[in-house]
Structure formats: structure tokens, C-alpha cells
Amino acid sequence: VGRSAWEDGMRGVAAGETEHLRNQGVEFQIFFMEQADLLNFNRGLLLNAGVLILQHSGYDHFSLHDVDTIPGDVKIPYTYPEGNVPMHLTPPGIHPSVDYVDFFGGNTIFTLEQFQRVNGYGNHFWGWGKEDDNLRERLQKKHQTHAKEPEMRAAGGGKGYVKRNPDHPYGHEKILNVYPEIYQDFGKSGLNTTKFELVTVESFYGAIKLRVELDCDKNITPWCDASRRRRQ
């Protein structure tokens, strides 16, 4: 995706989320996390970095949100997740494209304490996918067997969310983390091992964009190296 197309997409996301949250009377600030390094994409590590940057900011809960999934006509409630259990906003039936029963990706609301309890996302999922499945397992290991889900479903069986740019691929990143021990990481890596450098803080269409360079230990996860994939 070219830079102009990407920015057009993000502008649409910011506008859609802003309208949705203002209609609910929610106090909020939207942050975009952008990976500024040349490594393969790592969604979990990027979201860990965002929470660590904002952990002392006074926000009492965080909606960890895919950038291409914005609320549609259904008024999905972005509410504070009481108790020990986060709120999964995009379970099957609400997510626009994923229907498998154990899906835990998309958009999830955590308090800081809930996120810290599971040590955030695992850090070793370079490339697209599986970090959300691992997060679900982390929650289950902590006896948080079910995330809450919105009670409201779209009328007529609709999805509740829409994809902002469904025709724009993400650069065809492959899931490179195929090692069983990575999937069995239920808390060893996470917030406590997240390393990054905050490069810039920018105003971005009414939101704030945080550009970070992520750190990768190539002795542990050599598949984080995008140039290694290109050479194969």
C-alpha cells in the first residue's frame, strides 16, 4: 500500500471512530501506533509498546484496535470492562470477516491491570497472525476463561463492523513464527520484555501518531528480519 493510500485509510479510521465515540459521549483520545523500523510487522509488540508509553497517562482503559475495522451502523458500546475480564468487541458475528469460534483478534478493551495480569501480548509473533490466539490462551491460563462480548448484535445478522480498506493487502507478510515453543509462551515474553524506541509523536487527523522502532533479538527470533525473508 502506498503512503497516500495508507494515510487516506487512517484518516477514514480516525473520522469513523471519532464520530462513533462522540455519539456515545465517551471521553477518548485516539492513538495510531506505527512501526518505523525495517523489521517484519509485529502487532503484539507494537500494542505492548503503546500501552507502556501510555501507562502513566491517566487513561483507565485501552481499546486495542485493528486499524482496518471500524464500527458500522450498530452502536457497539465502548465501555469500561469491569472486573477481571476484558471486553472483546469483535467476536464472530460482529467482526466483518472472521467467523471461527475461538477468534480473539480485532478490537479488545482492557484495563491496564487486566493487560498487565497476562503480561500483554507475546513478543515473538513477527509477521501477521497468532498473537491474538496466544493472548486468548494467556487469559485462559489466568482463569479468565471468557472475555465479555457486546450484548448488541447487528440487526438482521449484520456484522456490526466494517473494513475500511478490505482491498488493500498488508504487504503479503507471512506468518513466520511456526515454532511450537512460541505458541506455548503464556507469559514469559510480553510487557516485561518489550523493548522499543519512541521516534516521533505527531498530530494526525485529530489523533496522535506514535512512531516506534521495535527491538528484536535475532538470536531468539531470526524471522523478525524482513531482509532475511526477501533473500529466501
Protein backbone atom coordinates (compact mmCIF):
# COMPACT_ATOMS: atom_id res chain seq x y z
CA VAL A 1 0.00 0.00 0.00
CA GLY A 2 1.40 3.39 -0.95
CA ARG A 3 1.86 6.11 1.64
CA SER A 4 -1.01 8.25 0.27
CA ALA A 5 -3.43 5.30 0.26
CA TRP A 6 -2.38 4.36 3.79
CA GLU A 7 -2.92 7.91 5.05
CA ASP A 8 -6.33 8.07 3.35
CA GLY A 9 -7.27 4.89 5.17
CA MET A 10 -6.09 6.19 8.52
CA ARG A 11 -7.95 9.46 8.03
CA GLY A 12 -11.12 7.42 7.47
CA VAL A 13 -10.47 5.35 10.59
CA ALA A 14 -9.90 8.45 12.72
CA ALA A 15 -13.08 10.08 11.42
CA GLY A 16 -15.19 6.93 11.85
CA GLU A 17 -14.01 6.22 15.38
CA THR A 18 -14.31 9.86 16.44
CA GLU A 19 -17.92 10.05 15.29
CA HIS A 20 -18.78 6.72 16.94
CA LEU A 21 -17.26 7.60 20.30
CA ARG A 22 -18.63 11.15 20.39
CA ASN A 23 -22.12 9.78 19.76
CA GLN A 24 -21.66 7.60 22.85
CA GLY A 25 -20.50 10.50 24.99
CA VAL A 26 -17.17 8.79 25.65
CA GLU A 27 -14.09 10.77 26.65
CA PHE A 28 -11.27 9.48 24.49
CA GLN A 29 -8.04 10.06 22.62
CA ILE A 30 -7.13 8.07 19.51
CA PHE A 31 -3.52 6.96 19.08
CA PHE A 32 -2.08 5.30 15.99
CA MET A 33 0.92 3.06 16.56
CA GLU A 34 3.27 2.98 13.55
CA GLN A 35 6.27 0.68 13.23
CA ALA A 36 9.18 2.80 11.99
CA ASP A 37 11.84 0.10 11.68
CA LEU A 38 12.64 -2.30 8.81
CA LEU A 39 11.65 -5.44 10.69
CA ASN A 40 8.67 -7.63 9.87
CA PHE A 41 5.42 -6.40 11.34
CA ASN A 42 4.70 -7.32 14.97
CA ARG A 43 1.20 -6.31 16.06
CA GLY A 44 1.51 -7.64 19.61
CA LEU A 45 4.82 -5.95 20.31
CA LEU A 46 3.53 -2.70 18.78
CA LEU A 47 0.45 -2.70 21.03
CA ASN A 48 2.58 -3.57 24.07
CA ALA A 49 4.72 -0.53 23.29
CA GLY A 50 1.64 1.68 23.04
CA VAL A 51 0.32 0.57 26.44
CA LEU A 52 3.75 1.09 28.04
CA ILE A 53 4.00 4.60 26.60
CA LEU A 54 0.56 5.50 27.98
CA GLN A 55 0.53 3.53 31.24
CA HIS A 56 1.11 6.62 33.40
CA SER A 57 -1.07 8.93 31.33
CA GLY A 58 -4.23 8.66 33.42
CA TYR A 59 -6.29 6.65 30.92
CA ASP A 60 -8.25 4.00 32.79
CA HIS A 61 -8.80 1.60 29.89
CA PHE A 62 -7.44 0.95 26.41
CA SER A 63 -9.19 -0.18 23.26
CA LEU A 64 -6.58 -2.17 21.32
CA HIS A 65 -7.91 -1.81 17.82
CA ASP A 66 -7.16 -3.12 14.34
CA VAL A 67 -6.74 -0.16 12.02
CA ASP A 68 -8.97 -1.51 9.26
CA THR A 69 -12.02 -2.37 11.40
CA ILE A 70 -14.34 0.50 12.35
CA PRO A 71 -17.87 0.49 13.77
CA GLY A 72 -20.72 0.32 11.28
CA ASP A 73 -24.33 1.25 11.90
CA VAL A 74 -24.68 -0.82 15.06
CA LYS A 75 -23.77 1.15 18.17
CA ILE A 76 -21.15 -1.17 19.63
CA PRO A 77 -20.58 0.11 23.20
CA TYR A 78 -17.00 1.07 24.05
CA THR A 79 -17.49 0.57 27.78
CA TYR A 80 -15.16 0.15 30.74
CA PRO A 81 -14.50 -3.59 31.28
CA GLU A 82 -15.42 -4.13 34.93
CA GLY A 83 -13.81 -6.88 36.98
CA ASN A 84 -11.05 -9.18 35.79
CA VAL A 85 -12.28 -9.75 32.26
CA PRO A 86 -11.59 -7.60 29.17
CA MET A 87 -14.26 -6.76 26.59
CA HIS A 88 -13.87 -8.37 23.15
CA LEU A 89 -15.66 -6.05 20.73
CA THR A 90 -15.28 -8.19 17.60
CA PRO A 91 -16.31 -11.79 18.31
CA PRO A 92 -17.69 -13.93 15.48
CA GLY A 93 -20.94 -12.38 14.26
CA ILE A 94 -19.68 -8.85 14.85
CA HIS A 95 -16.28 -8.95 13.16
CA PRO A 96 -16.68 -8.14 9.44
CA SER A 97 -14.77 -11.10 8.03
CA VAL A 98 -13.79 -13.71 10.66
CA ASP A 99 -16.27 -16.33 11.87
CA TYR A 100 -14.28 -19.07 13.62
CA VAL A 101 -15.47 -19.68 17.15
CA ASP A 102 -12.22 -19.04 19.09
CA PHE A 103 -11.32 -15.82 17.28
CA PHE A 104 -9.93 -13.23 19.71
CA GLY A 105 -8.49 -10.65 17.33
CA GLY A 106 -9.81 -7.34 16.05
CA ASN A 107 -10.73 -4.96 18.83
CA THR A 108 -10.44 -5.60 22.58
CA ILE A 109 -10.80 -3.30 25.60
CA PHE A 110 -8.52 -3.87 28.60
CA THR A 111 -7.90 -2.01 31.79
CA LEU A 112 -4.20 -1.55 32.49
CA GLU A 113 -4.42 -4.06 35.36
CA GLN A 114 -6.10 -6.70 33.16
CA PHE A 115 -3.43 -6.28 30.48
CA GLN A 116 -0.60 -6.41 33.00
CA ARG A 117 -2.02 -9.55 34.60
CA VAL A 118 -1.39 -11.54 31.39
CA ASN A 119 1.85 -9.66 30.63
CA GLY A 120 0.33 -8.23 27.45
CA TYR A 121 0.90 -9.87 24.10
CA GLY A 122 3.70 -12.32 23.42
CA ASN A 123 6.58 -10.57 21.67
CA HIS A 124 7.73 -13.25 19.24
CA PHE A 125 4.94 -13.11 16.65
CA TRP A 126 6.72 -11.42 13.76
CA GLY A 127 4.59 -11.44 10.63
CA TRP A 128 0.82 -11.49 10.57
CA GLY A 129 -1.22 -13.65 12.89
CA LYS A 130 -1.40 -15.83 16.01
CA GLU A 131 -0.61 -13.13 18.60
CA ASP A 132 -4.34 -12.84 19.32
CA ASP A 133 -4.75 -16.62 19.72
CA ASN A 134 -1.85 -16.59 22.17
CA LEU A 135 -3.45 -13.72 24.11
CA ARG A 136 -6.66 -15.74 24.41
CA GLU A 137 -4.62 -18.64 25.85
CA ARG A 138 -2.94 -16.28 28.31
CA LEU A 139 -6.34 -15.14 29.54
CA GLN A 140 -7.50 -18.72 29.94
CA LYS A 141 -4.36 -19.64 31.87
CA LYS A 142 -5.19 -16.83 34.29
CA HIS A 143 -8.68 -18.29 34.76
CA GLN A 144 -10.27 -15.51 32.76
CA THR A 145 -11.97 -18.09 30.62
CA HIS A 146 -14.31 -15.78 28.78
CA ALA A 147 -13.88 -12.23 27.65
CA LYS A 148 -17.08 -10.21 27.77
CA GLU A 149 -18.76 -9.54 24.44
CA PRO A 150 -21.12 -6.74 23.41
CA GLU A 151 -24.72 -7.71 24.08
CA MET A 152 -25.84 -5.85 20.99
CA ARG A 153 -25.72 -7.65 17.65
CA ALA A 154 -26.34 -6.14 14.27
CA ALA A 155 -29.98 -6.21 13.18
CA GLY A 156 -30.68 -8.81 10.53
CA GLY A 157 -27.46 -10.71 11.14
CA GLY A 158 -25.15 -7.93 10.01
CA LYS A 159 -21.60 -7.75 11.20
CA GLY A 160 -21.56 -4.58 13.28
CA TYR A 161 -18.16 -3.50 11.99
CA VAL A 162 -16.92 -2.69 8.52
CA LYS A 163 -13.47 -2.97 6.99
CA ARG A 164 -12.09 0.39 5.99
CA ASN A 165 -9.79 -0.87 3.21
CA PRO A 166 -10.69 -4.52 2.55
CA ASP A 167 -8.99 -4.50 -0.85
CA HIS A 168 -5.64 -3.23 0.37
CA PRO A 169 -3.26 -6.07 1.29
CA TYR A 170 -0.76 -5.63 4.10
CA GLY A 171 2.33 -6.36 2.02
CA HIS A 172 1.78 -10.12 1.98
CA GLU A 173 3.64 -10.70 5.24
CA LYS A 174 3.68 -14.42 6.03
CA ILE A 175 3.32 -15.96 9.44
CA LEU A 176 6.95 -16.81 10.07
CA ASN A 177 6.59 -17.91 13.67
CA VAL A 178 5.97 -21.63 13.18
CA TYR A 179 7.87 -22.89 16.18
CA PRO A 180 5.74 -24.71 18.79
CA GLU A 181 7.53 -23.15 21.74
CA ILE A 182 6.39 -19.72 20.58
CA TYR A 183 2.74 -20.75 20.77
CA GLN A 184 3.33 -22.15 24.27
CA ASP A 185 4.61 -18.80 25.59
CA PHE A 186 1.88 -17.93 28.10
CA GLY A 187 3.64 -15.06 29.82
CA LYS A 188 7.40 -15.41 29.59
CA SER A 189 7.62 -12.68 26.96
CA GLY A 190 5.35 -9.67 26.94
CA LEU A 191 5.23 -6.26 28.57
CA ASN A 192 8.22 -7.09 30.77
CA THR A 193 10.43 -7.88 27.75
CA THR A 194 9.12 -5.24 25.32
CA LYS A 195 11.92 -3.05 24.01
CA PHE A 196 11.43 -0.13 21.66
CA GLU A 197 12.41 3.45 20.95
CA LEU A 198 9.80 6.18 20.58
CA VAL A 199 10.89 8.02 17.43
CA THR A 200 8.25 10.70 16.89
CA VAL A 201 4.93 11.94 18.29
CA GLU A 202 2.79 13.60 15.62
CA SER A 203 -0.67 15.13 15.30
CA PHE A 204 -2.55 13.00 12.78
CA TYR A 205 -6.06 13.94 11.56
CA GLY A 206 -7.30 14.73 15.05
CA ALA A 207 -5.50 11.73 16.52
CA ILE A 208 -1.92 11.24 17.73
CA LYS A 209 0.54 9.05 15.85
CA LEU A 210 3.33 7.38 17.80
CA ARG A 211 6.14 6.06 15.61
CA VAL A 212 8.34 3.48 17.29
CA GLU A 213 11.30 1.32 16.38
CA LEU A 214 10.87 -2.15 17.83
CA ASP A 215 13.75 -4.23 19.15
CA CYS A 216 14.31 -7.81 18.02
CA ASP A 217 16.77 -10.33 19.41
CA LYS A 218 17.69 -12.16 16.21
CA ASN A 219 19.28 -14.96 18.22
CA ILE A 220 15.81 -15.81 19.54
CA THR A 221 13.60 -14.85 16.60
CA PRO A 222 15.69 -14.56 13.41
CA TRP A 223 12.44 -14.45 11.40
CA CYS A 224 11.88 -10.85 12.53
CA ASP A 225 14.41 -9.78 9.89
CA ALA A 226 12.48 -8.69 6.78
CA SER A 227 15.62 -8.78 4.63
CA ARG A 228 16.07 -12.46 5.54
CA ARG A 229 12.63 -13.21 4.08
CA ARG A 230 13.41 -11.28 0.90
CA ARG A 231 16.60 -13.30 0.37
CA GLN A 232 14.79 -16.64 0.55
